[in-house]
Amino acid sequence: MKIALINYYLRTKDYPTKYSLAVLRLAEYVSSFGYDVDIIPISLNCNNLEKVIDEKIKNKYDIVGISHYVWSKDITKKIAEIIREQSSKIKVIIGGPEVRNINLNDYNCYISNGFFER
């Protein structure tokens, strides 16, 4: 099973890495169970999400995990929609510290905050 974890980044000038400690730790944890995990960095300023998703994710993964934050609501929703349009076989899981604050009906994917899934 191939898993992709999406990692948002913005200020590479101030922070020279595109990877957060949280996504690195999650990838390591999931890998410890024998799963093949890749981290996909996506800029919050990305102008062509469809192309990025097509090149980096389409038909390459069984599961795509996206962290949800209040400041990333729009891009998270857009990425989930693009993935679902490109492939109905990929399971999209949205999780993170602020997932309880989203309307489940706005997302056609699994929502996980450690307490419930849809």
PDB file of N, CA and C in Angstrom:
ATOM      1  N   MET A   1       0.846  -1.173   0.000  1.00  0.00           N
ATOM      2  CA  MET A   1       0.000   0.000   0.000  1.00  0.00           C
ATOM      3  C   MET A   1       0.891   1.235   0.000  1.00  0.00           C
ATOM      4  N   LYS A   2       0.606   2.149  -0.911  1.00  0.00           N
ATOM      5  CA  LYS A   2       1.372   3.397  -1.019  1.00  0.00           C
ATOM      6  C   LYS A   2       0.565   4.538  -0.409  1.00  0.00           C
ATOM      7  N   ILE A   3       1.219   5.302   0.432  1.00  0.00           N
ATOM      8  CA  ILE A   3       0.572   6.411   1.138  1.00  0.00           C
ATOM      9  C   ILE A   3       1.344   7.692   0.872  1.00  0.00           C
ATOM     10  N   ALA A   4       0.603   8.764   0.597  1.00  0.00           N
ATOM     11  CA  ALA A   4       1.200  10.090   0.446  1.00  0.00           C
ATOM     12  C   ALA A   4       0.681  10.983   1.560  1.00  0.00           C
ATOM     13  N   LEU A   5       1.565  11.750   2.149  1.00  0.00           N
ATOM     14  CA  LEU A   5       1.191  12.757   3.137  1.00  0.00           C
ATOM     15  C   LEU A   5       1.516  14.116   2.538  1.00  0.00           C
ATOM     16  N   ILE A   6       0.514  14.975   2.463  1.00  0.00           N
ATOM     17  CA  ILE A   6       0.725  16.304   1.894  1.00  0.00           C
ATOM     18  C   ILE A   6       1.214  17.239   2.982  1.00  0.00           C
ATOM     19  N   ASN A   7       2.268  17.963   2.668  1.00  0.00           N
ATOM     20  CA  ASN A   7       2.863  18.918   3.591  1.00  0.00           C
ATOM     21  C   ASN A   7       2.828  20.300   2.945  1.00  0.00           C
ATOM     22  N   TYR A   8       2.122  21.230   3.572  1.00  0.00           N
ATOM     23  CA  TYR A   8       2.069  22.602   3.070  1.00  0.00           C
ATOM     24  C   TYR A   8       3.322  23.353   3.503  1.00  0.00           C
ATOM     25  N   TYR A   9       3.775  24.253   2.647  1.00  0.00           N
ATOM     26  CA  TYR A   9       4.871  25.125   3.024  1.00  0.00           C
ATOM     27  C   TYR A   9       4.626  26.498   2.422  1.00  0.00           C
ATOM     28  N   LEU A  10       5.282  27.500   2.964  1.00  0.00           N
ATOM     29  CA  LEU A  10       5.081  28.864   2.480  1.00  0.00           C
ATOM     30  C   LEU A  10       6.385  29.637   2.409  1.00  0.00           C
ATOM     31  N   ARG A  11       7.062  29.777   3.518  1.00  0.00           N
ATOM     32  CA  ARG A  11       8.199  30.687   3.592  1.00  0.00           C
ATOM     33  C   ARG A  11       9.525  29.950   3.571  1.00  0.00           C
ATOM     34  N   THR A  12       9.947  29.515   2.394  1.00  0.00           N
ATOM     35  CA  THR A  12      11.219  28.796   2.329  1.00  0.00           C
ATOM     36  C   THR A  12      12.405  29.720   2.539  1.00  0.00           C
ATOM     37  N   LYS A  13      12.200  31.022   2.386  1.00  0.00           N
ATOM     38  CA  LYS A  13      13.275  31.977   2.665  1.00  0.00           C
ATOM     39  C   LYS A  13      13.553  32.023   4.176  1.00  0.00           C
ATOM     40  N   ASP A  14      12.478  32.048   4.972  1.00  0.00           N
ATOM     41  CA  ASP A  14      12.625  32.092   6.429  1.00  0.00           C
ATOM     42  C   ASP A  14      12.910  30.709   7.015  1.00  0.00           C
ATOM     43  N   TYR A  15      12.298  29.683   6.422  1.00  0.00           N
ATOM     44  CA  TYR A  15      12.447  28.307   6.888  1.00  0.00           C
ATOM     45  C   TYR A  15      12.930  27.484   5.700  1.00  0.00           C
ATOM     46  N   PRO A  16      14.186  27.105   5.684  1.00  0.00           N
ATOM     47  CA  PRO A  16      14.778  26.504   4.485  1.00  0.00           C
ATOM     48  C   PRO A  16      14.308  25.085   4.145  1.00  0.00           C
ATOM     49  N   THR A  17      13.303  24.568   4.818  1.00  0.00           N
ATOM     50  CA  THR A  17      12.795  23.236   4.492  1.00  0.00           C
ATOM     51  C   THR A  17      11.325  23.313   4.121  1.00  0.00           C
ATOM     52  N   LYS A  18      10.897  22.400   3.303  1.00  0.00           N
ATOM     53  CA  LYS A  18       9.490  22.326   2.898  1.00  0.00           C
ATOM     54  C   LYS A  18       8.726  21.324   3.754  1.00  0.00           C
ATOM     55  N   TYR A  19       9.370  20.772   4.770  1.00  0.00           N
ATOM     56  CA  TYR A  19       8.770  19.707   5.558  1.00  0.00           C
ATOM     57  C   TYR A  19       8.623  20.116   7.016  1.00  0.00           C
ATOM     58  N   SER A  20       7.444  19.847   7.562  1.00  0.00           N
ATOM     59  CA  SER A  20       7.218  20.133   8.981  1.00  0.00           C
ATOM     60  C   SER A  20       7.637  18.929   9.813  1.00  0.00           C
ATOM     61  N   LEU A  21       7.975  19.188  11.047  1.00  0.00           N
ATOM     62  CA  LEU A  21       8.350  18.113  11.948  1.00  0.00           C
ATOM     63  C   LEU A  21       7.192  17.137  12.126  1.00  0.00           C
ATOM     64  N   ALA A  22       5.973  17.647  12.184  1.00  0.00           N
ATOM     65  CA  ALA A  22       4.805  16.786  12.385  1.00  0.00           C
ATOM     66  C   ALA A  22       4.653  15.764  11.256  1.00  0.00           C
ATOM     67  N   VAL A  23       4.775  16.209  10.004  1.00  0.00           N
ATOM     68  CA  VAL A  23       4.597  15.272   8.887  1.00  0.00           C
ATOM     69  C   VAL A  23       5.773  14.291   8.813  1.00  0.00           C
ATOM     70  N   LEU A  24       6.942  14.722   9.171  1.00  0.00           N
ATOM     71  CA  LEU A  24       8.091  13.816   9.200  1.00  0.00           C
ATOM     72  C   LEU A  24       7.905  12.725  10.259  1.00  0.00           C
ATOM     73  N   ARG A  25       7.414  13.121  11.410  1.00  0.00           N
ATOM     74  CA  ARG A  25       7.178  12.145  12.481  1.00  0.00           C
ATOM     75  C   ARG A  25       6.062  11.181  12.110  1.00  0.00           C
ATOM     76  N   LEU A  26       4.986  11.705  11.493  1.00  0.00           N
ATOM     77  CA  LEU A  26       3.877  10.844  11.076  1.00  0.00           C
ATOM     78  C   LEU A  26       4.335   9.850  10.007  1.00  0.00           C
ATOM     79  N   ALA A  27       5.123  10.320   9.056  1.00  0.00           N
ATOM     80  CA  ALA A  27       5.631   9.432   8.001  1.00  0.00           C
ATOM     81  C   ALA A  27       6.496   8.325   8.605  1.00  0.00           C
ATOM     82  N   GLU A  28       7.340   8.671   9.534  1.00  0.00           N
ATOM     83  CA  GLU A  28       8.189   7.670  10.183  1.00  0.00           C
ATOM     84  C   GLU A  28       7.345   6.653  10.941  1.00  0.00           C
ATOM     85  N   TYR A  29       6.329   7.125  11.644  1.00  0.00           N
ATOM     86  CA  TYR A  29       5.454   6.231  12.406  1.00  0.00           C
ATOM     87  C   TYR A  29       4.713   5.262  11.475  1.00  0.00           C
ATOM     88  N   VAL A  30       4.110   5.776  10.415  1.00  0.00           N
ATOM     89  CA  VAL A  30       3.366   4.934   9.474  1.00  0.00           C
ATOM     90  C   VAL A  30       4.319   3.950   8.790  1.00  0.00           C
ATOM     91  N   SER A  31       5.514   4.394   8.457  1.00  0.00           N
ATOM     92  CA  SER A  31       6.516   3.515   7.836  1.00  0.00           C
ATOM     93  C   SER A  31       6.907   2.360   8.747  1.00  0.00           C
ATOM     94  N   SER A  32       6.845   2.585  10.058  1.00  0.00           N
ATOM     95  CA  SER A  32       7.233   1.533  11.005  1.00  0.00           C
ATOM     96  C   SER A  32       6.306   0.323  10.937  1.00  0.00           C
ATOM     97  N   PHE A  33       5.141   0.482  10.323  1.00  0.00           N
ATOM     98  CA  PHE A  33       4.209  -0.634  10.145  1.00  0.00           C
ATOM     99  C   PHE A  33       4.380  -1.304   8.780  1.00  0.00           C
ATOM    100  N   GLY A  34       5.408  -0.895   8.040  1.00  0.00           N
ATOM    101  CA  GLY A  34       5.705  -1.514   6.770  1.00  0.00           C
ATOM    102  C   GLY A  34       5.074  -0.862   5.557  1.00  0.00           C
ATOM    103  N   TYR A  35       4.417   0.277   5.743  1.00  0.00           N
ATOM    104  CA  TYR A  35       3.796   0.972   4.617  1.00  0.00           C
ATOM    105  C   TYR A  35       4.821   1.837   3.894  1.00  0.00           C
ATOM    106  N   ASP A  36       4.623   1.973   2.599  1.00  0.00           N
ATOM    107  CA  ASP A  36       5.465   2.824   1.760  1.00  0.00           C
ATOM    108  C   ASP A  36       4.883   4.238   1.801  1.00  0.00           C
ATOM    109  N   VAL A  37       5.603   5.182   2.406  1.00  0.00           N
ATOM    110  CA  VAL A  37       5.092   6.535   2.626  1.00  0.00           C
ATOM    111  C   VAL A  37       5.974   7.567   1.939  1.00  0.00           C
ATOM    112  N   ASP A  38       5.335   8.472   1.206  1.00  0.00           N
ATOM    113  CA  ASP A  38       6.021   9.614   0.609  1.00  0.00           C
ATOM    114  C   ASP A  38       5.409  10.895   1.153  1.00  0.00           C
ATOM    115  N   ILE A  39       6.236  11.911   1.291  1.00  0.00           N
ATOM    116  CA  ILE A  39       5.755  13.235   1.691  1.00  0.00           C
ATOM    117  C   ILE A  39       5.755  14.103   0.441  1.00  0.00           C
ATOM    118  N   ILE A  40       4.617  14.722   0.171  1.00  0.00           N
ATOM    119  CA  ILE A  40       4.460  15.570  -1.006  1.00  0.00           C
ATOM    120  C   ILE A  40       4.360  17.019  -0.546  1.00  0.00           C
ATOM    121  N   PRO A  41       5.400  17.832  -0.764  1.00  0.00           N
ATOM    122  CA  PRO A  41       5.323  19.242  -0.373  1.00  0.00           C
ATOM    123  C   PRO A  41       4.531  20.043  -1.401  1.00  0.00           C
ATOM    124  N   ILE A  42       3.608  20.851  -0.924  1.00  0.00           N
ATOM    125  CA  ILE A  42       2.810  21.716  -1.797  1.00  0.00           C
ATOM    126  C   ILE A  42       2.824  23.126  -1.225  1.00  0.00           C
ATOM    127  N   SER A  43       3.188  24.080  -2.049  1.00  0.00           N
ATOM    128  CA  SER A  43       3.232  25.472  -1.621  1.00  0.00           C
ATOM    129  C   SER A  43       1.824  26.025  -1.436  1.00  0.00           C
ATOM    130  N   LEU A  44       1.644  26.803  -0.393  1.00  0.00           N
ATOM    131  CA  LEU A  44       0.352  27.474  -0.191  1.00  0.00           C
ATOM    132  C   LEU A  44       0.099  28.512  -1.274  1.00  0.00           C
ATOM    133  N   ASN A  45       1.135  28.895  -2.005  1.00  0.00           N
ATOM    134  CA  ASN A  45       1.002  29.857  -3.100  1.00  0.00           C
ATOM    135  C   ASN A  45       0.914  29.172  -4.464  1.00  0.00           C
ATOM    136  N   CYS A  46       0.662  27.878  -4.483  1.00  0.00           N
ATOM    137  CA  CYS A  46       0.616  27.123  -5.734  1.00  0.00           C
ATOM    138  C   CYS A  46      -0.502  27.653  -6.635  1.00  0.00           C
ATOM    139  N   ASN A  47      -0.150  27.985  -7.869  1.00  0.00           N
ATOM    140  CA  ASN A  47      -1.127  28.527  -8.813  1.00  0.00           C
ATOM    141  C   ASN A  47      -1.778  27.469  -9.685  1.00  0.00           C
ATOM    142  N   ASN A  48      -1.219  26.279  -9.726  1.00  0.00           N
ATOM    143  CA  ASN A  48      -1.749  25.239 -10.597  1.00  0.00           C
ATOM    144  C   ASN A  48      -1.819  23.908  -9.846  1.00  0.00           C
ATOM    145  N   LEU A  49      -2.744  23.823  -8.902  1.00  0.00           N
ATOM    146  CA  LEU A  49      -2.868  22.615  -8.088  1.00  0.00           C
ATOM    147  C   LEU A  49      -3.185  21.384  -8.924  1.00  0.00           C
ATOM    148  N   GLU A  50      -4.012  21.542  -9.962  1.00  0.00           N
ATOM    149  CA  GLU A  50      -4.373  20.403 -10.802  1.00  0.00           C
ATOM    150  C   GLU A  50      -3.133  19.741 -11.399  1.00  0.00           C
ATOM    151  N   LYS A  51      -2.223  20.562 -11.892  1.00  0.00           N
ATOM    152  CA  LYS A  51      -0.994  20.045 -12.508  1.00  0.00           C
ATOM    153  C   LYS A  51      -0.117  19.358 -11.464  1.00  0.00           C
ATOM    154  N   VAL A  52       0.026  19.983 -10.297  1.00  0.00           N
ATOM    155  CA  VAL A  52       0.853  19.409  -9.229  1.00  0.00           C
ATOM    156  C   VAL A  52       0.284  18.060  -8.788  1.00  0.00           C
ATOM    157  N   ILE A  53      -1.027  18.005  -8.574  1.00  0.00           N
ATOM    158  CA  ILE A  53      -1.669  16.758  -8.160  1.00  0.00           C
ATOM    159  C   ILE A  53      -1.516  15.702  -9.251  1.00  0.00           C
ATOM    160  N   ASP A  54      -1.704  16.103 -10.505  1.00  0.00           N
ATOM    161  CA  ASP A  54      -1.579  15.178 -11.623  1.00  0.00           C
ATOM    162  C   ASP A  54      -0.168  14.586 -11.694  1.00  0.00           C
ATOM    163  N   GLU A  55       0.835  15.422 -11.524  1.00  0.00           N
ATOM    164  CA  GLU A  55       2.221  14.969 -11.633  1.00  0.00           C
ATOM    165  C   GLU A  55       2.697  14.176 -10.423  1.00  0.00           C
ATOM    166  N   LYS A  56       2.280  14.585  -9.225  1.00  0.00           N
ATOM    167  CA  LYS A  56       2.851  13.997  -8.016  1.00  0.00           C
ATOM    168  C   LYS A  56       1.997  12.922  -7.357  1.00  0.00           C
ATOM    169  N   ILE A  57       0.674  12.906  -7.630  1.00  0.00           N
ATOM    170  CA  ILE A  57      -0.199  12.015  -6.875  1.00  0.00           C
ATOM    171  C   ILE A  57      -1.026  11.070  -7.743  1.00  0.00           C
ATOM    172  N   LYS A  58      -1.552  11.531  -8.845  1.00  0.00           N
ATOM    173  CA  LYS A  58      -2.512  10.759  -9.642  1.00  0.00           C
ATOM    174  C   LYS A  58      -2.006   9.347  -9.948  1.00  0.00           C
ATOM    175  N   ASN A  59      -2.822   8.372  -9.567  1.00  0.00           N
ATOM    176  CA  ASN A  59      -2.578   6.950  -9.830  1.00  0.00           C
ATOM    177  C   ASN A  59      -1.291   6.397  -9.229  1.00  0.00           C
ATOM    178  N   LYS A  60      -0.733   7.089  -8.254  1.00  0.00           N
ATOM    179  CA  LYS A  60       0.496   6.610  -7.621  1.00  0.00           C
ATOM    180  C   LYS A  60       0.275   6.125  -6.192  1.00  0.00           C
ATOM    181  N   TYR A  61      -0.854   6.500  -5.587  1.00  0.00           N
ATOM    182  CA  TYR A  61      -1.069   6.215  -4.171  1.00  0.00           C
ATOM    183  C   TYR A  61      -2.441   5.600  -3.929  1.00  0.00           C
ATOM    184  N   ASP A  62      -2.514   4.819  -2.856  1.00  0.00           N
ATOM    185  CA  ASP A  62      -3.787   4.251  -2.416  1.00  0.00           C
ATOM    186  C   ASP A  62      -4.486   5.190  -1.438  1.00  0.00           C
ATOM    187  N   ILE A  63      -3.686   5.878  -0.638  1.00  0.00           N
ATOM    188  CA  ILE A  63      -4.211   6.789   0.389  1.00  0.00           C
ATOM    189  C   ILE A  63      -3.424   8.091   0.335  1.00  0.00           C
ATOM    190  N   VAL A  64      -4.145   9.214   0.465  1.00  0.00           N
ATOM    191  CA  VAL A  64      -3.503  10.524   0.578  1.00  0.00           C
ATOM    192  C   VAL A  64      -4.008  11.160   1.867  1.00  0.00           C
ATOM    193  N   GLY A  65      -3.080  11.530   2.740  1.00  0.00           N
ATOM    194  CA  GLY A  65      -3.415  12.188   3.999  1.00  0.00           C
ATOM    195  C   GLY A  65      -3.110  13.672   3.916  1.00  0.00           C
ATOM    196  N   ILE A  66      -4.060  14.474   4.395  1.00  0.00           N
ATOM    197  CA  ILE A  66      -3.902  15.935   4.372  1.00  0.00           C
ATOM    198  C   ILE A  66      -4.201  16.469   5.769  1.00  0.00           C
ATOM    199  N   SER A  67      -3.299  17.271   6.311  1.00  0.00           N
ATOM    200  CA  SER A  67      -3.566  17.929   7.594  1.00  0.00           C
ATOM    201  C   SER A  67      -4.441  19.146   7.374  1.00  0.00           C
ATOM    202  N   HIS A  68      -5.398  19.317   8.264  1.00  0.00           N
ATOM    203  CA  HIS A  68      -6.301  20.454   8.156  1.00  0.00           C
ATOM    204  C   HIS A  68      -6.010  21.475   9.258  1.00  0.00           C
ATOM    205  N   TYR A  69      -5.882  22.703   8.830  1.00  0.00           N
ATOM    206  CA  TYR A  69      -5.742  23.832   9.741  1.00  0.00           C
ATOM    207  C   TYR A  69      -6.715  24.904   9.275  1.00  0.00           C
ATOM    208  N   VAL A  70      -7.068  25.837  10.136  1.00  0.00           N
ATOM    209  CA  VAL A  70      -7.982  26.914   9.755  1.00  0.00           C
ATOM    210  C   VAL A  70      -7.419  27.689   8.565  1.00  0.00           C
ATOM    211  N   TRP A  71      -6.132  27.958   8.569  1.00  0.00           N
ATOM    212  CA  TRP A  71      -5.505  28.738   7.506  1.00  0.00           C
ATOM    213  C   TRP A  71      -5.341  27.964   6.207  1.00  0.00           C
ATOM    214  N   SER A  72      -5.538  26.632   6.234  1.00  0.00           N
ATOM    215  CA  SER A  72      -5.376  25.845   5.008  1.00  0.00           C
ATOM    216  C   SER A  72      -6.695  25.275   4.496  1.00  0.00           C
ATOM    217  N   LYS A  73      -7.799  25.747   5.026  1.00  0.00           N
ATOM    218  CA  LYS A  73      -9.110  25.188   4.685  1.00  0.00           C
ATOM    219  C   LYS A  73      -9.368  25.166   3.180  1.00  0.00           C
ATOM    220  N   ASP A  74      -9.149  26.272   2.515  1.00  0.00           N
ATOM    221  CA  ASP A  74      -9.468  26.357   1.089  1.00  0.00           C
ATOM    222  C   ASP A  74      -8.593  25.447   0.243  1.00  0.00           C
ATOM    223  N   ILE A  75      -7.296  25.435   0.501  1.00  0.00           N
ATOM    224  CA  ILE A  75      -6.404  24.594  -0.298  1.00  0.00           C
ATOM    225  C   ILE A  75      -6.627  23.115   0.017  1.00  0.00           C
ATOM    226  N   THR A  76      -6.921  22.796   1.258  1.00  0.00           N
ATOM    227  CA  THR A  76      -7.209  21.402   1.618  1.00  0.00           C
ATOM    228  C   THR A  76      -8.435  20.903   0.870  1.00  0.00           C
ATOM    229  N   LYS A  77      -9.472  21.705   0.874  1.00  0.00           N
ATOM    230  CA  LYS A  77     -10.703  21.329   0.179  1.00  0.00           C
ATOM    231  C   LYS A  77     -10.460  21.178  -1.323  1.00  0.00           C
ATOM    232  N   LYS A  78      -9.711  22.097  -1.905  1.00  0.00           N
ATOM    233  CA  LYS A  78      -9.428  22.055  -3.341  1.00  0.00           C
ATOM    234  C   LYS A  78      -8.605  20.813  -3.700  1.00  0.00           C
ATOM    235  N   ILE A  79      -7.600  20.509  -2.912  1.00  0.00           N
ATOM    236  CA  ILE A  79      -6.774  19.325  -3.172  1.00  0.00           C
ATOM    237  C   ILE A  79      -7.613  18.055  -3.084  1.00  0.00           C
ATOM    238  N   ALA A  80      -8.446  17.957  -2.056  1.00  0.00           N
ATOM    239  CA  ALA A  80      -9.317  16.777  -1.913  1.00  0.00           C
ATOM    240  C   ALA A  80     -10.245  16.634  -3.120  1.00  0.00           C
ATOM    241  N   GLU A  81     -10.805  17.741  -3.583  1.00  0.00           N
ATOM    242  CA  GLU A  81     -11.698  17.706  -4.750  1.00  0.00           C
ATOM    243  C   GLU A  81     -10.954  17.260  -6.009  1.00  0.00           C
ATOM    244  N   ILE A  82      -9.761  17.786  -6.219  1.00  0.00           N
ATOM    245  CA  ILE A  82      -8.978  17.427  -7.408  1.00  0.00           C
ATOM    246  C   ILE A  82      -8.620  15.941  -7.391  1.00  0.00           C
ATOM    247  N   ILE A  83      -8.191  15.452  -6.243  1.00  0.00           N
ATOM    248  CA  ILE A  83      -7.827  14.038  -6.136  1.00  0.00           C
ATOM    249  C   ILE A  83      -9.040  13.165  -6.423  1.00  0.00           C
ATOM    250  N   ARG A  84     -10.171  13.498  -5.856  1.00  0.00           N
ATOM    251  CA  ARG A  84     -11.387  12.709  -6.062  1.00  0.00           C
ATOM    252  C   ARG A  84     -11.839  12.759  -7.525  1.00  0.00           C
ATOM    253  N   GLU A  85     -11.652  13.891  -8.194  1.00  0.00           N
ATOM    254  CA  GLU A  85     -12.008  13.996  -9.610  1.00  0.00           C
ATOM    255  C   GLU A  85     -11.071  13.160 -10.478  1.00  0.00           C
ATOM    256  N   GLN A  86      -9.796  13.125 -10.128  1.00  0.00           N
ATOM    257  CA  GLN A  86      -8.810  12.414 -10.934  1.00  0.00           C
ATOM    258  C   GLN A  86      -8.860  10.903 -10.725  1.00  0.00           C
ATOM    259  N   SER A  87      -9.209  10.473  -9.528  1.00  0.00           N
ATOM    260  CA  SER A  87      -9.243   9.040  -9.254  1.00  0.00           C
ATOM    261  C   SER A  87     -10.160   8.743  -8.076  1.00  0.00           C
ATOM    262  N   SER A  88     -11.198   7.971  -8.341  1.00  0.00           N
ATOM    263  CA  SER A  88     -12.114   7.600  -7.260  1.00  0.00           C
ATOM    264  C   SER A  88     -11.539   6.459  -6.418  1.00  0.00           C
ATOM    265  N   LYS A  89     -10.420   5.885  -6.838  1.00  0.00           N
ATOM    266  CA  LYS A  89      -9.813   4.773  -6.106  1.00  0.00           C
ATOM    267  C   LYS A  89      -8.946   5.240  -4.942  1.00  0.00           C
ATOM    268  N   ILE A  90      -8.459   6.463  -4.999  1.00  0.00           N
ATOM    269  CA  ILE A  90      -7.604   6.986  -3.930  1.00  0.00           C
ATOM    270  C   ILE A  90      -8.467   7.392  -2.745  1.00  0.00           C
ATOM    271  N   LYS A  91      -8.109   6.901  -1.566  1.00  0.00           N
ATOM    272  CA  LYS A  91      -8.800   7.316  -0.343  1.00  0.00           C
ATOM    273  C   LYS A  91      -8.114   8.568   0.174  1.00  0.00           C
ATOM    274  N   VAL A  92      -8.896   9.594   0.405  1.00  0.00           N
ATOM    275  CA  VAL A  92      -8.376  10.848   0.943  1.00  0.00           C
ATOM    276  C   VAL A  92      -8.790  10.934   2.401  1.00  0.00           C
ATOM    277  N   ILE A  93      -7.809  11.129   3.260  1.00  0.00           N
ATOM    278  CA  ILE A  93      -8.068  11.254   4.692  1.00  0.00           C
ATOM    279  C   ILE A  93      -7.614  12.636   5.134  1.00  0.00           C
ATOM    280  N   ILE A  94      -8.517  13.365   5.756  1.00  0.00           N
ATOM    281  CA  ILE A  94      -8.187  14.686   6.286  1.00  0.00           C
ATOM    282  C   ILE A  94      -8.176  14.580   7.798  1.00  0.00           C
ATOM    283  N   GLY A  95      -7.092  15.006   8.391  1.00  0.00           N
ATOM    284  CA  GLY A  95      -6.966  14.951   9.842  1.00  0.00           C
ATOM    285  C   GLY A  95      -6.216  16.167  10.329  1.00  0.00           C
ATOM    286  N   GLY A  96      -5.953  16.183  11.599  1.00  0.00           N
ATOM    287  CA  GLY A  96      -5.192  17.287  12.154  1.00  0.00           C
ATOM    288  C   GLY A  96      -5.893  17.950  13.314  1.00  0.00           C
ATOM    289  N   PRO A  97      -5.237  18.938  13.860  1.00  0.00           N
ATOM    290  CA  PRO A  97      -5.721  19.550  15.102  1.00  0.00           C
ATOM    291  C   PRO A  97      -7.021  20.327  14.981  1.00  0.00           C
ATOM    292  N   GLU A  98      -7.380  20.748  13.801  1.00  0.00           N
ATOM    293  CA  GLU A  98      -8.578  21.591  13.670  1.00  0.00           C
ATOM    294  C   GLU A  98      -9.643  20.966  12.765  1.00  0.00           C
ATOM    295  N   VAL A  99      -9.593  19.655  12.601  1.00  0.00           N
ATOM    296  CA  VAL A  99     -10.537  18.987  11.715  1.00  0.00           C
ATOM    297  C   VAL A  99     -11.966  19.042  12.243  1.00  0.00           C
ATOM    298  N   ARG A 100     -12.127  19.199  13.521  1.00  0.00           N
ATOM    299  CA  ARG A 100     -13.478  19.298  14.088  1.00  0.00           C
ATOM    300  C   ARG A 100     -14.213  20.563  13.646  1.00  0.00           C
ATOM    301  N   ASN A 101     -13.474  21.538  13.161  1.00  0.00           N
ATOM    302  CA  ASN A 101     -14.074  22.812  12.783  1.00  0.00           C
ATOM    303  C   ASN A 101     -14.567  22.855  11.345  1.00  0.00           C
ATOM    304  N   ILE A 102     -14.541  21.733  10.626  1.00  0.00           N
ATOM    305  CA  ILE A 102     -14.986  21.763   9.238  1.00  0.00           C
ATOM    306  C   ILE A 102     -16.352  21.110   9.096  1.00  0.00           C
ATOM    307  N   ASN A 103     -17.057  21.495   8.049  1.00  0.00           N
ATOM    308  CA  ASN A 103     -18.364  20.924   7.747  1.00  0.00           C
ATOM    309  C   ASN A 103     -18.131  19.642   6.943  1.00  0.00           C
ATOM    310  N   LEU A 104     -18.494  18.516   7.503  1.00  0.00           N
ATOM    311  CA  LEU A 104     -18.242  17.232   6.856  1.00  0.00           C
ATOM    312  C   LEU A 104     -18.902  17.122   5.483  1.00  0.00           C
ATOM    313  N   ASN A 105     -19.996  17.817   5.276  1.00  0.00           N
ATOM    314  CA  ASN A 105     -20.694  17.741   4.001  1.00  0.00           C
ATOM    315  C   ASN A 105     -19.935  18.454   2.879  1.00  0.00           C
ATOM    316  N   ASP A 106     -18.959  19.287   3.217  1.00  0.00           N
ATOM    317  CA  ASP A 106     -18.178  20.001   2.211  1.00  0.00           C
ATOM    318  C   ASP A 106     -17.052  19.157   1.626  1.00  0.00           C
ATOM    319  N   TYR A 107     -16.782  18.000   2.221  1.00  0.00           N
ATOM    320  CA  TYR A 107     -15.655  17.183   1.804  1.00  0.00           C
ATOM    321  C   TYR A 107     -16.137  15.795   1.409  1.00  0.00           C
ATOM    322  N   ASN A 108     -15.687  15.330   0.272  1.00  0.00           N
ATOM    323  CA  ASN A 108     -16.018  13.986  -0.196  1.00  0.00           C
ATOM    324  C   ASN A 108     -14.842  13.070   0.111  1.00  0.00           C
ATOM    325  N   CYS A 109     -14.598  12.861   1.388  1.00  0.00           N
ATOM    326  CA  CYS A 109     -13.463  12.047   1.791  1.00  0.00           C
ATOM    327  C   CYS A 109     -13.646  11.618   3.230  1.00  0.00           C
ATOM    328  N   TYR A 110     -12.663  10.915   3.749  1.00  0.00           N
ATOM    329  CA  TYR A 110     -12.685  10.506   5.142  1.00  0.00           C
ATOM    330  C   TYR A 110     -12.149  11.645   5.999  1.00  0.00           C
ATOM    331  N   ILE A 111     -12.796  11.869   7.116  1.00  0.00           N
ATOM    332  CA  ILE A 111     -12.348  12.876   8.072  1.00  0.00           C
ATOM    333  C   ILE A 111     -11.938  12.145   9.327  1.00  0.00           C
ATOM    334  N   SER A 112     -10.766  12.418   9.831  1.00  0.00           N
ATOM    335  CA  SER A 112     -10.310  11.723  11.027  1.00  0.00           C
ATOM    336  C   SER A 112      -9.663  12.685  12.003  1.00  0.00           C
ATOM    337  N   ASN A 113     -10.163  12.697  13.210  1.00  0.00           N
ATOM    338  CA  ASN A 113      -9.512  13.468  14.272  1.00  0.00           C
ATOM    339  C   ASN A 113      -9.142  12.554  15.426  1.00  0.00           C
ATOM    340  N   GLY A 114      -9.127  11.283  15.149  1.00  0.00           N
ATOM    341  CA  GLY A 114      -8.817  10.321  16.184  1.00  0.00           C
ATOM    342  C   GLY A 114     -10.056   9.851  16.930  1.00  0.00           C
ATOM    343  N   PHE A 115     -11.197  10.483  16.688  1.00  0.00           N
ATOM    344  CA  PHE A 115     -12.410  10.114  17.400  1.00  0.00           C
ATOM    345  C   PHE A 115     -13.518   9.613  16.471  1.00  0.00           C
ATOM    346  N   PHE A 116     -13.512  10.040  15.228  1.00  0.00           N
ATOM    347  CA  PHE A 116     -14.560   9.583  14.312  1.00  0.00           C
ATOM    348  C   PHE A 116     -14.044   9.570  12.885  1.00  0.00           C
ATOM    349  N   GLU A 117     -14.689   8.765  12.074  1.00  0.00           N
ATOM    350  CA  GLU A 117     -14.389   8.729  10.647  1.00  0.00           C
ATOM    351  C   GLU A 117     -15.698   8.689   9.891  1.00  0.00           C
ATOM    352  N   ARG A 118     -15.672   9.209   8.681  1.00  0.00           N
ATOM    353  CA  ARG A 118     -16.865   9.187   7.849  1.00  0.00           C
ATOM    354  C   ARG A 118     -16.580   8.404   6.607  1.00  0.00           C
TER     355      ARG A 118
END
